[in-house]
């Protein structure tokens, strides 16, 4: 896909702010969702959950800016939005119920060193991700998060009475239609801002229908400063082990996001860049633990925004980080975003998440579809989707194993990695690759000959015109 703004491009400030807002709108719901889920599950008061949410927004802003701009050896310098990770929800609730909220942040702080130390080995890990594996991982990212957008689109969670009500589907469909039309037929900033404009249309319609609840804005504080260790800190061995495993899973998931982003932004992901990105993840999670919120990782949904809008500027996403930082300092800003109805988010989310799948297919289109490669793709995707669609399959496994394989992205990626190592390229595969390369070369030669013939005809026609004129 042709990029409207490349990684190093700087759009005009006004356009940059609009483009940054659509990244924030896509991420804000997930950023505040994790602390709210964890806080409510372990019985925190409303005031304590406000601390979790404000800290999540502020840290998200800070870490996003560092990830995009880079500070020395920290930050991948690509358009990455950082936020609280759902990978840590289950282990955080388990630690909080068993040992109290302070133990969550102690375990998260110590566990973050898994990512910080692990970042030094990313050049070696990067070699384990040839296109057949990286393409499978990127496809899995899109497939496993697509159900989230579907639930948003339906306006509730499966089993709730309002799930799939006609009004929800119509509102989500309106946003989806506006995003498709603007991104396909719009020009310049209109096409680039298709997602935020589609959500704006949906939000205004929702207000007119009277389905927007403005009470969160009225209840939110106007200004709030972060606190250091607002819940205190304590350490438990079991909590640290559980968190460390979750961080290992996050390394895999973030690597997949960065691979997808490198493809969407047309940049090469070197081992050194990957190290800087994972190091930022680890340090960001350490900061989150210090300020009183759950660990961080990169956000997959924002990769979809880059893919559909063609805006790959890291400076735009750095502006997103700045806006989120202000949202943390001025909670009414974050509360405004929370008022956006789920179907509005779903209409945009379906496009964003599906575009990630398209990016993965694009990566896979570059490989030779030998029997070996097709097995790696098939079994990897099947494993990831099995865990995602039927998580109960892990019910009788130990909790430590569940943490690792509970993520469809991680389970499918590990299987694809293992198969890529175990399944050697056979002689028949090599012969097939050689034959495909030969056919491809012959096709290129034919195209070049055809182009040369056309050029020669044009040249002769021009000469004839000149002679006629003389």
Protein backbone atom coordinates (compact mmCIF):
# COMPACT_ATOMS: atom_id res chain seq x y z
CA UNK A 1 0.00 0.00 0.00
CA UNK A 2 1.28 3.46 -0.90
CA UNK A 3 2.02 5.51 2.22
CA UNK A 4 0.59 9.01 2.54
CA UNK A 5 3.13 9.87 5.23
CA UNK A 6 6.27 7.77 5.70
CA UNK A 7 7.88 7.00 9.07
CA UNK A 8 10.04 10.14 9.15
CA UNK A 9 7.47 12.52 7.58
CA UNK A 10 5.98 15.32 9.67
CA UNK A 11 2.42 16.31 8.64
CA UNK A 12 1.23 19.89 9.33
CA UNK A 13 0.35 20.34 13.01
CA UNK A 14 -3.41 20.58 12.47
CA UNK A 15 -3.53 17.46 10.34
CA UNK A 16 -1.14 15.72 12.73
CA UNK A 17 -3.45 16.31 15.70
CA UNK A 18 -6.46 14.91 13.83
CA UNK A 19 -4.48 11.85 12.74
CA UNK A 20 -3.16 11.39 16.29
CA UNK A 21 -6.69 11.53 17.71
CA UNK A 22 -7.81 8.47 15.74
CA UNK A 23 -4.96 6.45 17.22
CA UNK A 24 -6.00 7.61 20.70
CA UNK A 25 -9.67 6.80 20.11
CA UNK A 26 -8.76 3.29 18.95
CA UNK A 27 -6.57 2.63 21.98
CA UNK A 28 -8.25 4.49 24.84
CA UNK A 29 -10.97 1.92 25.53
CA UNK A 30 -8.47 -0.92 25.91
CA UNK A 31 -6.08 1.19 27.99
CA UNK A 32 -8.71 1.95 30.63
CA UNK A 33 -10.39 -1.47 30.37
CA UNK A 34 -7.51 -3.47 31.89
CA UNK A 35 -7.18 -1.47 35.15
CA UNK A 36 -10.97 -1.37 35.49
CA UNK A 37 -11.27 -5.15 35.09
CA UNK A 38 -8.42 -5.86 37.52
CA UNK A 39 -9.55 -3.24 40.04
CA UNK A 40 -13.16 -4.40 40.13
CA UNK A 41 -12.15 -8.09 40.34
CA UNK A 42 -9.99 -7.57 43.45
CA UNK A 43 -12.47 -5.22 45.11
CA UNK A 44 -10.81 -1.81 44.86
CA UNK A 45 -12.86 1.28 45.66
CA UNK A 46 -13.92 3.77 42.98
CA UNK A 47 -11.20 6.20 44.10
CA UNK A 48 -8.52 3.51 43.86
CA UNK A 49 -9.66 2.50 40.37
CA UNK A 50 -9.45 6.16 39.30
CA UNK A 51 -5.78 6.08 40.38
CA UNK A 52 -5.21 2.95 38.26
CA UNK A 53 -6.87 4.50 35.20
CA UNK A 54 -5.14 7.89 35.44
CA UNK A 55 -1.75 6.21 35.88
CA UNK A 56 -2.47 3.96 32.88
CA UNK A 57 -3.18 6.96 30.65
CA UNK A 58 -0.14 8.93 31.80
CA UNK A 59 2.29 6.03 31.48
CA UNK A 60 0.78 5.12 28.11
CA UNK A 61 1.48 8.65 26.90
CA UNK A 62 5.05 8.71 28.21
CA UNK A 63 6.01 5.26 26.89
CA UNK A 64 4.34 5.88 23.50
CA UNK A 65 6.40 9.06 23.05
CA UNK A 66 9.62 7.27 23.97
CA UNK A 67 8.79 4.30 21.71
CA UNK A 68 8.14 6.61 18.75
CA UNK A 69 10.86 9.21 19.25
CA UNK A 70 13.52 7.06 20.89
CA UNK A 71 15.85 7.94 23.75
CA UNK A 72 19.32 6.49 23.19
CA UNK A 73 19.01 2.67 23.09
CA UNK A 74 15.32 2.78 24.12
CA UNK A 75 12.44 2.95 21.64
CA UNK A 76 11.87 1.29 18.26
CA UNK A 77 11.27 4.64 16.51
CA UNK A 78 8.19 3.40 14.67
CA UNK A 79 4.52 4.52 15.09
CA UNK A 80 3.76 2.31 18.11
CA UNK A 81 0.98 2.99 20.62
CA UNK A 82 1.68 1.53 24.06
CA UNK A 83 -0.93 0.59 26.63
CA UNK A 84 -1.96 -1.77 29.41
CA UNK A 85 -1.86 -5.43 28.31
CA UNK A 86 -4.67 -7.99 28.69
CA UNK A 87 -1.99 -10.67 29.01
CA UNK A 88 -1.50 -9.63 32.64
CA UNK A 89 -5.18 -9.52 33.66
CA UNK A 90 -5.52 -13.11 34.92
CA UNK A 91 -2.22 -13.21 36.83
CA UNK A 92 -2.83 -9.72 38.31
CA UNK A 93 -6.25 -10.76 39.63
CA UNK A 94 -4.81 -13.99 41.03
CA UNK A 95 -1.99 -12.16 42.86
CA UNK A 96 -4.33 -9.40 44.07
CA UNK A 97 -6.87 -11.82 45.55
CA UNK A 98 -4.18 -13.92 47.21
CA UNK A 99 -1.67 -11.33 48.44
CA UNK A 100 -3.24 -7.88 48.00
CA UNK A 101 -2.88 -5.11 45.44
CA UNK A 102 0.65 -4.13 46.56
CA UNK A 103 1.91 -7.60 45.57
CA UNK A 104 0.71 -7.04 41.98
CA UNK A 105 3.06 -4.11 41.54
CA UNK A 106 5.95 -5.82 43.31
CA UNK A 107 5.67 -8.85 41.02
CA UNK A 108 5.23 -6.64 37.94
CA UNK A 109 8.29 -4.55 38.82
CA UNK A 110 10.57 -7.56 39.33
CA UNK A 111 9.09 -9.41 36.34
CA UNK A 112 9.76 -6.44 34.02
CA UNK A 113 13.46 -7.37 34.15
CA UNK A 114 12.56 -10.44 32.06
CA UNK A 115 11.81 -8.08 29.16
CA UNK A 116 14.66 -5.70 29.96
CA UNK A 117 17.22 -8.54 29.98
CA UNK A 118 15.49 -10.43 27.16
CA UNK A 119 15.73 -7.38 24.89
CA UNK A 120 19.48 -7.99 24.58
CA UNK A 121 18.82 -11.30 22.79
CA UNK A 122 16.33 -10.01 20.22
CA UNK A 123 18.81 -10.06 17.28
CA UNK A 124 19.05 -13.84 17.75
CA UNK A 125 15.29 -14.18 18.27
CA UNK A 126 14.61 -12.13 15.11
CA UNK A 127 16.31 -14.84 13.01
CA UNK A 128 13.62 -17.29 14.14
CA UNK A 129 10.97 -15.26 12.28
CA UNK A 130 11.31 -15.85 8.51
CA UNK A 131 8.31 -14.69 6.40
CA UNK A 132 6.46 -18.01 6.81
CA UNK A 133 6.50 -17.56 10.62
CA UNK A 134 6.14 -13.78 10.79
CA UNK A 135 3.24 -13.85 8.31
CA UNK A 136 1.50 -16.52 10.37
CA UNK A 137 1.98 -14.46 13.54
CA UNK A 138 0.58 -11.30 11.94
CA UNK A 139 -2.47 -13.15 10.59
CA UNK A 140 -3.04 -14.57 14.09
CA UNK A 141 -2.86 -11.11 15.65
CA UNK A 142 -5.69 -9.93 13.42
CA UNK A 143 -7.78 -13.09 13.79
CA UNK A 144 -7.51 -13.29 17.59
CA UNK A 145 -8.47 -9.67 18.27
CA UNK A 146 -11.23 -9.49 15.63
CA UNK A 147 -13.84 -10.98 18.06
CA UNK A 148 -13.26 -7.94 20.32
CA UNK A 149 -14.35 -5.64 17.49
CA UNK A 150 -17.36 -7.88 16.79
CA UNK A 151 -18.49 -7.59 20.44
CA UNK A 152 -18.07 -3.82 20.27
CA UNK A 153 -20.09 -3.83 17.05
CA UNK A 154 -22.86 -5.82 18.75
CA UNK A 155 -22.93 -3.33 21.62
CA UNK A 156 -22.39 -5.75 24.53
CA UNK A 157 -20.89 -9.08 25.51
CA UNK A 158 -22.26 -12.43 24.36
CA UNK A 159 -25.20 -13.44 26.53
CA UNK A 160 -26.29 -9.92 27.44
CA UNK A 161 -29.77 -8.85 26.37
CA UNK A 162 -28.64 -5.89 24.25
CA UNK A 163 -26.09 -7.98 22.33
CA UNK A 164 -26.72 -7.63 18.59
CA UNK A 165 -29.75 -5.37 18.90
CA UNK A 166 -30.70 -3.81 15.56
CA UNK A 167 -29.90 -0.28 16.76
CA UNK A 168 -26.36 -1.35 17.69
CA UNK A 169 -25.79 -3.09 14.36
CA UNK A 170 -27.10 -0.10 12.39
CA UNK A 171 -24.88 2.35 14.30
CA UNK A 172 -21.81 0.15 13.85
CA UNK A 173 -22.64 -0.37 10.16
CA UNK A 174 -22.90 3.39 9.64
CA UNK A 175 -19.41 3.92 11.05
CA UNK A 176 -18.06 1.00 9.01
CA UNK A 177 -19.59 2.40 5.81
CA UNK A 178 -18.25 5.92 6.41
CA UNK A 179 -14.74 4.58 7.09
CA UNK A 180 -14.78 2.46 3.90
CA UNK A 181 -16.11 5.28 1.70
CA UNK A 182 -13.71 7.92 3.04
CA UNK A 183 -10.64 5.67 2.95
CA UNK A 184 -11.41 4.49 -0.60
CA UNK A 185 -12.71 7.66 -2.25
CA UNK A 186 -11.43 10.44 0.01
CA UNK A 187 -8.34 12.48 -0.82
CA UNK A 188 -5.46 13.67 1.35
CA UNK A 189 -6.31 14.31 4.98
CA UNK A 190 -9.91 13.06 4.52
CA UNK A 191 -8.69 9.58 3.54
CA UNK A 192 -5.97 9.60 6.18
CA UNK A 193 -8.44 10.57 8.92
CA UNK A 194 -11.16 8.15 7.73
CA UNK A 195 -11.33 6.32 11.07
CA UNK A 196 -11.66 9.35 13.31
CA UNK A 197 -14.17 10.97 10.92
CA UNK A 198 -16.22 7.75 10.80
CA UNK A 199 -16.24 7.58 14.60
CA UNK A 200 -17.18 11.27 14.81
CA UNK A 201 -20.19 10.69 12.53
CA UNK A 202 -21.22 7.68 14.61
CA UNK A 203 -20.78 9.59 17.89
CA UNK A 204 -22.93 12.52 16.68
CA UNK A 205 -25.66 10.11 15.54
CA UNK A 206 -25.48 8.34 18.92
CA UNK A 207 -25.91 11.69 20.71
CA UNK A 208 -28.93 12.47 18.54
CA UNK A 209 -30.40 9.07 19.42
CA UNK A 210 -29.84 9.75 23.12
CA UNK A 211 -27.66 6.70 23.78
CA UNK A 212 -24.56 8.56 25.02
CA UNK A 213 -24.07 8.65 28.81
CA UNK A 214 -22.24 11.85 29.82
CA UNK A 215 -22.12 11.03 33.55
CA UNK A 216 -18.45 9.86 33.44
CA UNK A 217 -17.43 13.40 32.38
CA UNK A 218 -19.37 15.00 35.22
CA UNK A 219 -17.90 12.59 37.79
CA UNK A 220 -14.26 12.84 36.62
CA UNK A 221 -11.76 15.13 38.32
CA UNK A 222 -10.51 18.16 36.41
CA UNK A 223 -6.80 17.69 37.25
CA UNK A 224 -4.80 14.88 38.81
CA UNK A 225 -1.07 14.31 39.45
CA UNK A 226 0.52 10.84 39.61
CA UNK A 227 1.75 9.32 42.88
CA UNK A 228 4.79 7.13 43.46
CA UNK A 229 3.75 3.67 44.71
CA UNK A 230 0.19 4.80 45.59
CA UNK A 231 -0.72 1.27 46.75
CA UNK A 232 2.64 0.43 48.32
CA UNK A 233 4.69 -2.54 47.19
CA UNK A 234 5.31 -6.10 48.38
CA UNK A 235 6.87 -9.23 46.92
CA UNK A 236 5.77 -12.87 46.70
CA UNK A 237 7.71 -15.65 44.99
CA UNK A 238 4.65 -17.17 43.30
CA UNK A 239 3.55 -13.75 42.05
CA UNK A 240 6.97 -12.97 40.58
CA UNK A 241 7.11 -16.34 38.79
CA UNK A 242 3.63 -15.88 37.33
CA UNK A 243 4.38 -12.33 36.19
CA UNK A 244 7.71 -13.42 34.65
CA UNK A 245 5.92 -16.02 32.52
CA UNK A 246 3.41 -13.37 31.41
CA UNK A 247 6.31 -11.10 30.39
CA UNK A 248 7.78 -13.92 28.27
CA UNK A 249 4.42 -14.18 26.51
CA UNK A 250 4.39 -10.41 25.97
CA UNK A 251 7.81 -10.54 24.29
CA UNK A 252 6.31 -12.90 21.72
CA UNK A 253 3.19 -10.75 21.22
CA UNK A 254 5.14 -7.49 20.92
CA UNK A 255 7.52 -9.10 18.43
CA UNK A 256 4.49 -10.02 16.30
CA UNK A 257 3.15 -6.44 16.52
CA UNK A 258 6.51 -5.00 15.51
CA UNK A 259 6.76 -7.41 12.57
CA UNK A 260 3.29 -6.36 11.40
CA UNK A 261 4.18 -2.71 11.84
CA UNK A 262 7.43 -3.01 9.89
CA UNK A 263 5.46 -4.46 6.99
CA UNK A 264 2.75 -1.78 7.20
CA UNK A 265 5.34 1.04 7.34
CA UNK A 266 7.61 -0.44 4.62
CA UNK A 267 10.62 -0.49 6.96
CA UNK A 268 13.05 -3.27 7.73
CA UNK A 269 12.88 -4.63 11.28
CA UNK A 270 16.45 -5.36 12.32
CA UNK A 271 17.41 -7.22 15.46
CA UNK A 272 18.77 -3.97 16.92
CA UNK A 273 15.47 -2.16 16.35
CA UNK A 274 13.56 -5.04 17.86
CA UNK A 275 15.83 -4.92 20.94
CA UNK A 276 15.12 -1.21 21.41
CA UNK A 277 11.37 -1.80 21.13
CA UNK A 278 11.29 -4.67 23.64
CA UNK A 279 13.54 -2.71 26.03
CA UNK A 280 11.04 0.15 25.92
CA UNK A 281 8.26 -2.34 26.69
CA UNK A 282 10.13 -3.57 29.76
CA UNK A 283 11.10 -0.14 31.09
CA UNK A 284 7.56 1.12 30.44
CA UNK A 285 6.12 -1.72 32.51
CA UNK A 286 8.58 -0.94 35.31
CA UNK A 287 7.40 2.70 35.25
CA UNK A 288 3.76 1.52 35.26
CA UNK A 289 4.41 -0.56 38.39
CA UNK A 290 6.02 2.42 40.12
CA UNK A 291 3.10 4.75 39.35
CA UNK A 292 0.42 2.20 40.25
CA UNK A 293 -0.97 0.54 37.13
CA UNK A 294 -0.69 -2.79 35.31
CA UNK A 295 2.14 -3.76 32.84
CA UNK A 296 2.35 -2.49 29.28
CA UNK A 297 2.79 -3.77 25.72
CA UNK A 298 2.32 -2.54 22.14
CA UNK A 299 -1.23 -2.26 20.76
CA UNK A 300 -2.17 -4.37 17.73
CA UNK A 301 -5.21 -2.29 16.74
CA UNK A 302 -3.06 0.72 15.86
CA UNK A 303 -1.16 -1.36 13.31
CA UNK A 304 -4.50 -1.63 11.51
CA UNK A 305 -4.86 2.17 11.48
CA UNK A 306 -1.47 2.52 9.77
CA UNK A 307 -2.48 -0.12 7.22
CA UNK A 308 -5.81 1.43 6.28
CA UNK A 309 -4.84 5.13 6.35
CA UNK A 310 -1.31 4.97 4.95
CA UNK A 311 -0.11 7.27 7.74
CA UNK A 312 3.12 5.73 9.04
CA UNK A 313 4.61 8.85 10.64
CA UNK A 314 6.09 8.12 14.05
CA UNK A 315 5.74 11.81 14.87
CA UNK A 316 1.94 11.55 14.52
CA UNK A 317 1.81 8.71 17.05
CA UNK A 318 4.15 10.63 19.35
CA UNK A 319 1.43 13.32 19.34
CA UNK A 320 -1.00 10.56 20.34
CA UNK A 321 1.23 9.89 23.33
CA UNK A 322 1.17 13.57 24.26
CA UNK A 323 -2.63 13.65 24.10
CA UNK A 324 -2.88 10.55 26.31
CA UNK A 325 -0.47 12.10 28.80
CA UNK A 326 -2.78 15.11 29.05
CA UNK A 327 -5.77 12.77 29.36
CA UNK A 328 -4.08 11.27 32.42
CA UNK A 329 -3.41 14.69 33.93
CA UNK A 330 -6.91 15.95 33.04
CA UNK A 331 -9.23 12.97 33.64
CA UNK A 332 -12.23 14.67 32.00
CA UNK A 333 -10.51 14.16 28.63
CA UNK A 334 -10.28 10.43 29.19
CA UNK A 335 -13.85 10.37 30.47
CA UNK A 336 -15.04 11.95 27.21
CA UNK A 337 -13.50 9.09 25.22
CA UNK A 338 -15.11 6.55 27.56
CA UNK A 339 -18.54 7.91 26.58
CA UNK A 340 -18.13 6.69 22.97
CA UNK A 341 -20.69 3.87 22.49
CA UNK A 342 -19.31 0.40 21.76
CA UNK A 343 -20.92 0.06 18.30
CA UNK A 344 -19.08 3.19 17.18
CA UNK A 345 -15.77 1.63 18.24
CA UNK A 346 -16.82 -1.66 16.64
CA UNK A 347 -17.55 -0.16 13.24
CA UNK A 348 -14.01 1.21 13.05
CA UNK A 349 -12.47 -1.76 14.86
CA UNK A 350 -13.64 -4.33 12.33
CA UNK A 351 -11.81 -2.49 9.55
CA UNK A 352 -8.66 -1.93 11.63
CA UNK A 353 -8.32 -5.50 12.85
CA UNK A 354 -9.18 -7.02 9.47
CA UNK A 355 -6.46 -4.89 7.86
CA UNK A 356 -3.92 -6.61 10.12
CA UNK A 357 -5.05 -9.94 8.67
CA UNK A 358 -4.54 -8.48 5.18
CA UNK A 359 -1.01 -7.40 6.15
CA UNK A 360 -0.22 -10.95 7.28
CA UNK A 361 -1.54 -12.35 4.01
CA UNK A 362 0.67 -9.84 2.20
CA UNK A 363 3.74 -11.19 4.03
CA UNK A 364 2.76 -14.79 3.27
CA UNK A 365 2.29 -13.94 -0.41
CA UNK A 366 6.08 -13.51 -0.67
CA UNK A 367 6.85 -17.14 0.26
CA UNK A 368 6.79 -20.30 -1.83
CA UNK A 369 3.69 -22.32 -0.95
CA UNK A 370 5.41 -25.67 -0.54
CA UNK A 371 3.82 -28.46 1.48
CA UNK A 372 6.18 -27.62 4.40
CA UNK A 373 5.26 -23.92 4.47
CA UNK A 374 1.55 -24.66 4.14
CA UNK A 375 1.74 -27.03 7.10
CA UNK A 376 3.46 -24.38 9.23
CA UNK A 377 0.79 -21.81 8.37
CA UNK A 378 -2.14 -24.22 8.75
CA UNK A 379 -1.14 -25.75 12.08
CA UNK A 380 0.05 -22.42 13.53
CA UNK A 381 -3.19 -20.61 12.69
CA UNK A 382 -5.32 -23.59 13.76
CA UNK A 383 -3.59 -23.77 17.16
CA UNK A 384 -3.99 -20.05 17.80
CA UNK A 385 -7.66 -20.04 16.81
CA UNK A 386 -8.41 -23.20 18.79
CA UNK A 387 -7.19 -21.52 21.99
CA UNK A 388 -8.97 -18.27 21.13
CA UNK A 389 -12.34 -19.80 20.20
CA UNK A 390 -12.34 -22.63 22.75
CA UNK A 391 -10.24 -21.51 25.76
CA UNK A 392 -11.84 -24.24 27.89
CA UNK A 393 -9.52 -26.71 26.17
CA UNK A 394 -6.85 -25.59 28.66
CA UNK A 395 -8.99 -26.14 31.78
CA UNK A 396 -7.06 -29.14 33.08
CA UNK A 397 -3.57 -27.77 32.44
CA UNK A 398 -1.44 -26.22 35.22
CA UNK A 399 -1.89 -22.48 35.74
CA UNK A 400 1.68 -21.76 34.62
CA UNK A 401 0.98 -23.49 31.29
CA UNK A 402 -2.35 -21.68 30.92
CA UNK A 403 -0.61 -18.31 31.22
CA UNK A 404 1.63 -19.20 28.26
CA UNK A 405 -0.89 -20.93 26.00
CA UNK A 406 -3.93 -18.89 27.04
CA UNK A 407 -3.01 -16.35 24.35
CA UNK A 408 -3.90 -17.51 20.85
CA UNK A 409 -1.12 -15.33 19.43
CA UNK A 410 1.50 -16.94 21.65
CA UNK A 411 0.25 -20.51 21.24
CA UNK A 412 0.06 -20.28 17.45
CA UNK A 413 3.38 -18.44 17.20
CA UNK A 414 5.20 -21.01 19.32
CA UNK A 415 3.82 -23.85 17.20
CA UNK A 416 4.81 -22.07 13.96
CA UNK A 417 8.30 -21.39 15.36
CA UNK A 418 8.74 -25.01 16.43
CA UNK A 419 7.53 -26.42 13.10
CA UNK A 420 9.82 -24.08 11.19
CA UNK A 421 12.78 -25.48 13.14
CA UNK A 422 11.74 -29.14 13.07
CA UNK A 423 10.46 -29.41 9.48
CA UNK A 424 13.49 -29.27 7.23
CA UNK A 425 13.21 -28.14 3.63
CA UNK A 426 12.99 -31.30 1.51
CA UNK A 427 14.60 -31.87 -1.89
CA UNK A 428 11.18 -31.79 -3.55
CA UNK A 429 10.49 -28.41 -1.91
CA UNK A 430 13.84 -27.09 -3.12
CA UNK A 431 13.04 -28.34 -6.63
CA UNK A 432 9.63 -26.69 -6.47
CA UNK A 433 11.18 -23.41 -5.31
CA UNK A 434 13.74 -23.57 -8.14
CA UNK A 435 11.00 -24.25 -10.69
CA UNK A 436 8.87 -21.37 -9.35
CA UNK A 437 11.85 -19.03 -9.47
CA UNK A 438 12.57 -20.12 -13.05
CA UNK A 439 8.95 -19.52 -14.08
CA UNK A 440 8.97 -16.15 -12.32
CA UNK A 441 12.20 -15.17 -14.11
CA UNK A 442 10.76 -16.22 -17.48
CA UNK A 443 7.64 -14.15 -16.79
CA UNK A 444 9.76 -11.13 -15.90
CA UNK A 445 11.79 -11.54 -19.09
CA UNK A 446 8.57 -11.69 -21.14
CA UNK A 447 7.27 -8.54 -19.44
CA UNK A 448 10.58 -6.76 -20.06
CA UNK A 449 10.54 -7.80 -23.72
CA UNK A 450 6.96 -6.54 -24.05
CA UNK A 451 7.89 -3.23 -22.40
CA UNK A 452 10.90 -2.88 -24.70
CA UNK A 453 8.74 -3.54 -27.75
CA UNK A 454 6.22 -0.90 -26.67
CA UNK A 455 9.03 1.60 -26.03
CA UNK A 456 10.52 0.89 -29.48
CA UNK A 457 7.13 1.39 -31.16
CA UNK A 458 6.68 4.73 -29.36
CA UNK A 459 10.16 5.82 -30.35
CA UNK A 460 9.54 4.94 -34.02
CA UNK A 461 6.17 6.73 -33.93
CA UNK A 462 7.82 9.87 -32.49
CA UNK A 463 10.48 9.75 -35.20
CA UNK A 464 7.78 9.47 -37.85
CA UNK A 465 5.95 12.49 -36.42
CA UNK A 466 9.16 14.53 -36.40
CA UNK A 467 9.91 13.59 -40.03
CA UNK A 468 6.34 14.47 -41.06
CA UNK A 469 6.60 17.85 -39.33
CA UNK A 470 9.91 18.63 -41.04
